[in-house]
């Protein structure tokens, strides 16, 4: 019985690992907007020009704005960030 339980737990863990975030991949034609848009529905951190970092769920990414929802520390708020204010896109991969 213990062996069977161990096998079930191991199987569940093995199946869960592919569900973790995947490595960030970019191509030569990617832009900041396309990288952010590819993360739609996922949590990312944006480093802004002033050094501030905002972490939240990508709701929308247009050529001019990024909308983050459920901002860390302000879960009931969304933020509209001008795309030109974004210096870096930080994505958790593990």
Protein backbone atom coordinates (compact mmCIF):
# COMPACT_ATOMS: atom_id res chain seq x y z
CA UNK A 1 0.00 0.00 0.00
CA UNK A 2 2.81 2.41 0.89
CA UNK A 3 4.47 1.68 -2.43
CA UNK A 4 1.28 2.49 -4.29
CA UNK A 5 0.86 5.80 -2.42
CA UNK A 6 4.49 6.68 -3.12
CA UNK A 7 3.98 5.93 -6.81
CA UNK A 8 0.88 8.14 -6.94
CA UNK A 9 2.69 11.02 -5.22
CA UNK A 10 5.71 10.63 -7.50
CA UNK A 11 3.47 10.56 -10.59
CA UNK A 12 1.65 13.71 -9.51
CA UNK A 13 4.92 15.52 -8.91
CA UNK A 14 6.34 14.38 -12.24
CA UNK A 15 3.25 15.62 -14.07
CA UNK A 16 3.30 18.95 -12.22
CA UNK A 17 6.81 19.97 -13.30
CA UNK A 18 5.91 20.67 -16.96
CA UNK A 19 3.15 22.96 -15.65
CA UNK A 20 5.76 25.26 -14.12
CA UNK A 21 6.75 28.41 -15.97
CA UNK A 22 8.81 27.78 -19.07
CA UNK A 23 12.01 29.48 -20.14
CA UNK A 24 11.64 32.89 -21.74
CA UNK A 25 12.37 32.70 -25.46
CA UNK A 26 12.75 35.69 -27.77
CA UNK A 27 13.43 36.07 -31.46
CA UNK A 28 15.13 38.79 -33.49
CA UNK A 29 11.77 40.33 -34.42
CA UNK A 30 10.41 40.52 -30.85
CA UNK A 31 9.64 43.83 -29.20
CA UNK A 32 8.99 44.70 -25.58
CA UNK A 33 5.28 44.65 -26.38
CA UNK A 34 5.38 41.19 -28.01
CA UNK A 35 7.36 39.72 -25.09
CA UNK A 36 4.83 41.13 -22.62
CA UNK A 37 1.84 40.08 -24.76
CA UNK A 38 3.18 36.50 -24.85
CA UNK A 39 2.92 36.47 -21.05
CA UNK A 40 -0.78 37.45 -21.03
CA UNK A 41 -2.53 35.94 -18.01
CA UNK A 42 0.79 35.26 -16.24
CA UNK A 43 2.60 37.12 -13.47
CA UNK A 44 5.57 39.23 -14.51
CA UNK A 45 7.66 42.02 -13.07
CA UNK A 46 8.27 45.20 -15.03
CA UNK A 47 11.30 47.33 -14.18
CA UNK A 48 10.51 50.94 -14.98
CA UNK A 49 12.79 53.81 -16.00
CA UNK A 50 12.98 55.17 -12.46
CA UNK A 51 14.11 51.80 -11.09
CA UNK A 52 10.72 50.94 -9.60
CA UNK A 53 9.44 47.39 -10.13
CA UNK A 54 5.78 46.45 -10.54
CA UNK A 55 4.68 42.82 -10.34
CA UNK A 56 1.28 41.70 -11.51
CA UNK A 57 -0.73 39.66 -13.98
CA UNK A 58 -0.60 40.80 -17.60
CA UNK A 59 -4.12 41.76 -18.64
CA UNK A 60 -3.32 43.56 -21.91
CA UNK A 61 -0.35 44.80 -23.91
CA UNK A 62 -0.94 47.38 -26.64
CA UNK A 63 1.64 49.33 -28.67
CA UNK A 64 1.42 52.15 -26.10
CA UNK A 65 0.28 50.63 -22.78
CA UNK A 66 0.65 47.56 -20.60
CA UNK A 67 -2.14 46.74 -18.16
CA UNK A 68 -1.12 44.76 -15.07
CA UNK A 69 -3.76 43.41 -12.70
CA UNK A 70 -3.52 42.22 -9.10
CA UNK A 71 -0.45 44.34 -8.41
CA UNK A 72 1.67 42.84 -5.64
CA UNK A 73 0.94 44.77 -2.45
CA UNK A 74 -2.16 46.27 -4.08
CA UNK A 75 -4.12 43.19 -5.11
CA UNK A 76 -7.35 45.13 -5.72
CA UNK A 77 -5.73 47.54 -8.17
CA UNK A 78 -4.73 47.44 -11.83
CA UNK A 79 -2.01 49.60 -13.40
CA UNK A 80 -1.73 51.06 -16.90
CA UNK A 81 1.95 51.56 -17.66
CA UNK A 82 3.25 53.41 -20.73
CA UNK A 83 5.31 50.94 -22.77
CA UNK A 84 8.13 53.47 -23.22
CA UNK A 85 8.52 53.55 -19.41
CA UNK A 86 9.43 49.83 -19.31
CA UNK A 87 13.16 49.13 -19.11
CA UNK A 88 13.00 45.37 -18.47
CA UNK A 89 10.54 42.48 -18.41
CA UNK A 90 11.29 39.96 -15.67
CA UNK A 91 9.63 36.54 -15.94
CA UNK A 92 9.89 33.79 -13.36
CA UNK A 93 11.04 30.59 -15.08
CA UNK A 94 11.44 28.15 -12.18
